[in-house]
Protein backbone atom coordinates (compact mmCIF):
# COMPACT_ATOMS: atom_id res chain seq x y z
CA MET A 1 29.33 -27.21 -97.79
CA GLY A 2 28.82 -30.78 -99.03
CA ARG A 3 28.47 -33.61 -96.53
CA ALA A 4 29.01 -31.38 -93.48
CA PHE A 5 26.06 -29.23 -94.51
CA GLU A 6 23.88 -32.26 -95.17
CA PHE A 7 24.77 -33.65 -91.73
CA ARG A 8 23.85 -30.39 -89.99
CA LYS A 9 20.63 -30.16 -91.98
CA ALA A 10 19.68 -33.73 -91.08
CA ARG A 11 20.32 -33.05 -87.39
CA LYS A 12 18.24 -29.87 -87.55
CA PHE A 13 15.32 -31.63 -89.22
CA LYS A 14 15.52 -34.44 -86.67
CA ARG A 15 15.40 -31.87 -83.85
CA TRP A 16 12.42 -30.12 -85.44
CA ALA A 17 10.64 -33.46 -85.81
CA ALA A 18 11.26 -34.29 -82.15
CA MET A 19 10.05 -30.84 -81.10
CA SER A 20 6.92 -31.21 -83.22
CA LYS A 21 6.18 -34.58 -81.61
CA THR A 22 6.71 -33.16 -78.13
CA PHE A 23 4.38 -30.22 -78.80
CA ALA A 24 1.75 -32.56 -80.28
CA ARG A 25 1.92 -34.77 -77.20
CA LEU A 26 1.63 -31.77 -74.87
CA ASN A 27 -1.26 -30.47 -76.95
CA LYS A 28 -3.17 -33.68 -76.29
CA ASP A 29 -2.18 -33.60 -72.60
CA ILE A 30 -3.76 -30.15 -72.31
CA ILE A 31 -6.99 -31.28 -73.96
CA ILE A 32 -7.31 -34.38 -71.79
CA ALA A 33 -6.42 -32.46 -68.61
CA ILE A 34 -9.22 -29.97 -69.29
CA ARG A 35 -11.78 -32.55 -70.38
CA GLU A 36 -11.12 -34.95 -67.49
CA GLY A 37 -10.15 -32.37 -64.88
CA ASN A 38 -11.88 -29.25 -63.62
CA GLY A 39 -11.97 -27.01 -66.66
CA SER A 40 -9.48 -24.60 -68.19
CA ASP A 41 -8.54 -22.66 -65.05
CA PRO A 42 -5.13 -23.96 -63.87
CA ASP A 43 -5.83 -22.80 -60.31
CA MET A 44 -8.79 -25.17 -60.17
CA ASN A 45 -7.29 -27.99 -62.23
CA PRO A 46 -4.10 -29.56 -60.78
CA ARG A 47 -3.63 -31.86 -63.77
CA LEU A 48 -3.74 -28.92 -66.18
CA ARG A 49 -1.36 -26.98 -63.95
CA ALA A 50 1.14 -29.82 -64.19
CA VAL A 51 0.84 -30.00 -67.98
CA LEU A 52 1.40 -26.26 -68.33
CA GLN A 53 4.58 -26.59 -66.27
CA ASN A 54 5.78 -29.21 -68.73
CA CYS A 55 4.90 -26.93 -71.64
CA ARG A 56 7.16 -24.25 -70.17
CA ALA A 57 9.93 -26.79 -69.65
CA ALA A 58 9.67 -27.79 -73.32
CA ASN A 59 9.61 -24.13 -74.47
CA MET A 60 6.23 -24.67 -76.12
CA PRO A 61 5.07 -21.35 -77.64
CA LYS A 62 2.31 -19.54 -75.76
CA ASP A 63 0.16 -19.44 -78.91
CA ASN A 64 0.28 -23.24 -79.14
CA VAL A 65 -0.82 -23.56 -75.53
CA GLU A 66 -3.69 -21.13 -75.99
CA ARG A 67 -4.90 -22.95 -79.12
CA ALA A 68 -4.87 -26.26 -77.26
CA ILE A 69 -6.89 -24.79 -74.38
CA LYS A 70 -9.43 -23.38 -76.84
CA LYS A 71 -9.63 -26.67 -78.72
CA ALA A 72 -10.38 -28.54 -75.50
CA THR A 73 -13.83 -26.95 -75.41
CA ASP A 74 -14.61 -27.60 -79.09
CA LYS A 75 -16.97 -30.36 -80.17
CA ASP A 76 -14.18 -31.87 -82.29
CA THR A 77 -12.59 -33.26 -79.13
CA SER A 78 -15.77 -34.90 -77.81
CA ASP A 79 -14.43 -38.41 -78.56
CA PHE A 80 -10.85 -37.70 -77.51
CA LYS A 81 -9.64 -40.25 -74.94
CA GLU A 82 -6.67 -42.11 -73.52
CA VAL A 83 -6.22 -45.75 -74.54
CA ASN A 84 -3.47 -48.11 -73.43
CA PHE A 85 -2.05 -51.11 -75.30
CA GLU A 86 0.07 -53.99 -74.06
CA GLY A 87 2.19 -56.50 -75.87
CA TYR A 88 5.54 -58.14 -76.43
CA ALA A 89 8.40 -57.22 -78.69
CA GLN A 90 10.91 -59.80 -79.83
CA HIS A 91 13.02 -61.64 -77.24
CA GLY A 92 10.27 -61.52 -74.59
CA ILE A 93 10.43 -57.76 -73.99
CA ALA A 94 7.18 -56.42 -72.51
CA VAL A 95 5.88 -53.18 -74.02
CA PHE A 96 3.25 -50.83 -72.58
CA VAL A 97 1.91 -48.13 -74.92
CA GLU A 98 -0.06 -45.05 -73.85
CA THR A 99 -2.05 -43.30 -76.56
CA ALA A 100 -4.43 -40.37 -76.85
CA THR A 101 -6.84 -40.64 -79.76
CA ASP A 102 -10.03 -39.38 -81.32
CA ASN A 103 -10.32 -42.48 -83.51
CA ASN A 104 -9.86 -45.71 -81.58
CA ASN A 105 -10.23 -47.96 -84.64
CA ARG A 106 -7.38 -46.16 -86.39
CA THR A 107 -5.16 -46.32 -83.32
CA VAL A 108 -5.81 -50.03 -82.70
CA ALA A 109 -5.04 -50.86 -86.32
CA ASN A 110 -1.84 -48.81 -86.33
CA VAL A 111 -0.50 -50.18 -83.05
CA ARG A 112 -1.26 -53.76 -84.10
CA SER A 113 0.48 -53.12 -87.43
CA HIS A 114 3.60 -51.81 -85.66
CA PHE A 115 3.81 -54.92 -83.50
CA ASN A 116 3.20 -57.29 -86.43
CA LYS A 117 5.75 -55.64 -88.73
CA CYS A 118 8.41 -55.90 -86.03
CA ASN A 119 7.65 -59.55 -85.18
CA GLY A 120 5.97 -58.62 -81.91
CA ASN A 121 2.57 -59.50 -80.50
CA LEU A 122 -0.20 -57.20 -79.32
CA SER A 123 -1.70 -58.78 -76.19
CA THR A 124 -4.81 -58.31 -74.10
CA SER A 125 -5.30 -55.70 -71.40
CA GLY A 126 -3.50 -56.62 -68.19
CA SER A 127 -1.00 -58.94 -69.86
CA VAL A 128 2.06 -56.79 -69.07
CA GLU A 129 0.80 -53.90 -66.94
CA PHE A 130 1.67 -55.78 -63.75
CA MET A 131 5.33 -55.71 -64.79
CA PHE A 132 5.46 -51.92 -64.36
CA ASP A 133 5.15 -49.72 -61.28
CA HIS A 134 3.00 -46.67 -62.01
CA VAL A 135 4.77 -43.75 -60.35
CA CYS A 136 4.69 -39.98 -60.36
CA PHE A 137 7.69 -37.66 -60.52
CA PHE A 138 8.46 -34.00 -59.90
CA LYS A 139 11.59 -32.15 -60.97
CA ILE A 140 12.32 -29.09 -58.84
CA LYS A 141 15.13 -26.57 -58.60
CA ALA A 142 17.87 -27.79 -56.29
CA GLU A 143 19.18 -24.36 -55.35
CA GLY A 144 19.12 -23.84 -51.58
CA VAL A 145 17.68 -27.27 -50.74
CA GLU A 146 19.15 -30.64 -49.80
CA ALA A 147 17.83 -33.94 -51.14
CA GLU A 148 17.68 -35.53 -47.67
CA ASP A 149 15.76 -32.59 -46.22
CA VAL A 150 13.26 -32.63 -49.08
CA GLU A 151 12.76 -36.37 -48.73
CA LEU A 152 12.07 -36.08 -45.00
CA GLU A 153 9.63 -33.23 -45.65
CA LEU A 154 7.70 -35.13 -48.32
CA ILE A 155 7.78 -38.72 -47.07
CA ASP A 156 4.40 -38.32 -45.39
CA TYR A 157 2.95 -37.07 -48.69
CA GLY A 158 3.89 -40.15 -50.68
CA ALA A 159 7.47 -39.41 -51.75
CA GLU A 160 9.54 -42.58 -52.05
CA GLU A 161 12.85 -41.25 -53.35
CA VAL A 162 14.62 -37.95 -53.98
CA THR A 163 17.66 -37.91 -56.25
CA ALA A 164 19.95 -35.20 -57.61
CA ASP A 165 19.90 -34.46 -61.34
CA GLU A 166 22.47 -31.76 -62.18
CA ASP A 167 20.96 -28.53 -60.80
CA ALA A 168 17.61 -30.12 -59.98
CA LEU A 169 16.07 -32.68 -57.64
CA VAL A 170 13.80 -35.45 -58.88
CA ILE A 171 11.11 -36.64 -56.49
CA THR A 172 9.34 -39.92 -57.19
CA GLY A 173 6.30 -41.33 -55.47
CA THR A 174 3.31 -43.57 -55.98
CA PHE A 175 0.81 -42.84 -58.73
CA GLU A 176 -1.84 -42.09 -56.11
CA SER A 177 0.33 -39.48 -54.36
CA PHE A 178 0.64 -37.16 -57.37
CA GLY A 179 -2.00 -34.67 -56.21
CA GLN A 180 -0.86 -34.34 -52.60
CA LEU A 181 2.81 -34.09 -53.56
CA GLN A 182 2.00 -31.37 -56.07
CA SER A 183 -0.02 -29.44 -53.49
CA LYS A 184 2.72 -29.76 -50.85
CA LEU A 185 5.48 -28.58 -53.21
CA GLU A 186 3.38 -25.60 -54.30
CA ALA A 187 2.50 -24.75 -50.69
CA ASP A 188 6.21 -24.81 -49.77
CA GLY A 189 7.04 -22.48 -52.66
CA MET A 190 9.09 -25.06 -54.55
CA GLU A 191 9.50 -24.29 -58.25
CA ILE A 192 8.31 -27.33 -60.20
CA LEU A 193 10.25 -27.55 -63.45
CA GLU A 194 8.55 -30.69 -64.76
CA SER A 195 6.19 -33.37 -63.52
CA GLY A 196 4.34 -36.38 -64.78
CA LEU A 197 3.64 -40.08 -64.55
CA GLU A 198 5.92 -42.95 -65.53
CA ARG A 199 5.70 -46.72 -65.71
CA VAL A 200 8.92 -48.18 -64.32
CA PRO A 201 9.61 -51.87 -65.04
CA ASN A 202 10.01 -53.92 -61.88
CA THR A 203 12.23 -56.37 -63.76
CA THR A 204 14.35 -55.77 -66.86
CA LYS A 205 16.04 -57.96 -69.43
CA GLU A 206 19.41 -57.18 -70.99
CA LEU A 207 19.91 -58.05 -74.64
CA ASP A 208 22.91 -58.19 -76.92
CA PRO A 209 23.36 -55.34 -79.44
CA GLU A 210 21.71 -57.19 -82.33
CA ALA A 211 18.63 -58.14 -80.31
CA THR A 212 18.48 -54.63 -78.83
CA ALA A 213 18.36 -53.14 -82.32
CA GLU A 214 15.48 -55.44 -83.25
CA VAL A 215 13.42 -54.35 -80.26
CA GLU A 216 14.29 -50.69 -80.75
CA LYS A 217 12.85 -50.90 -84.25
CA LEU A 218 9.42 -51.51 -82.72
CA ILE A 219 9.90 -48.81 -80.07
CA GLU A 220 10.83 -46.29 -82.76
CA ARG A 221 7.80 -47.14 -84.90
CA LEU A 222 5.50 -46.73 -81.91
CA GLU A 223 7.12 -43.46 -80.81
CA GLU A 224 6.70 -42.02 -84.29
CA ASP A 225 2.96 -42.76 -84.37
CA ASP A 226 0.94 -39.55 -83.98
CA ASP A 227 -1.48 -41.17 -81.51
CA VAL A 228 1.22 -42.52 -79.19
CA GLN A 229 2.05 -40.49 -76.09
CA ASN A 230 4.51 -42.77 -74.27
CA VAL A 231 6.15 -46.17 -74.71
CA PHE A 232 7.51 -48.15 -71.75
CA HIS A 233 9.37 -51.46 -71.94
CA THR A 234 11.40 -53.96 -69.93
CA MET A 235 14.61 -53.86 -71.97
CA SER A 236 17.50 -52.65 -69.84
CA SER A 237 20.08 -52.09 -72.56
CA SER A 238 17.99 -49.88 -74.85
CA THR A 239 18.76 -46.26 -75.55
CA GLU A 240 15.45 -44.50 -75.00
CA VAL A 241 13.83 -43.01 -78.09
CA GLU A 242 12.62 -39.52 -77.32
CA GLY A 243 9.17 -38.55 -78.43
């Protein structure tokens, strides 16, 4: 077996680690959706309904989902909240970090440590947020529908762009249009495969390979932090690190 076995084992462990991180992030999404939405009934809570769609897309086991829903009503989650951080990596790359935490002091210390160890700087709130457009997205099955027709149908509901992605269509719109787009797609019987919110940089900066690697070191450290949900940045030449 030798090196070939070790390579396969390393890839498997890396996949398991990524899956574990994804499930942990979705677990927190469920808790926050229930706490800040309208309870644990998906029919009455659009945000929870969207998270559960993402759980199915990620093949998250039903038992994990049920445990997260139960935990959302426990007293242990009373201090659970979303906290955002902003800063700069090396070479002037802006970084926006979304976290979900039950211990803000721990999360602040960890995020600051990640920036410091990678020669970055944690900044104040609002220092880089303006560099990103906060948008929503929906991924739906493309079978039997045309991108142009879908865009015309949804433009009055906040859709800004519809693009093809293999056998699916990706609809993007403003952050504020998430709810009405979700309701319209559901009313039209469209199968939503995945949905969520993204922060898209309105300007990007391309770096050479060496500088890119330096910035990616910070992105990787942040992505690996248990409290971090998403990391957005303004580097155009980076290969995204999946959480």
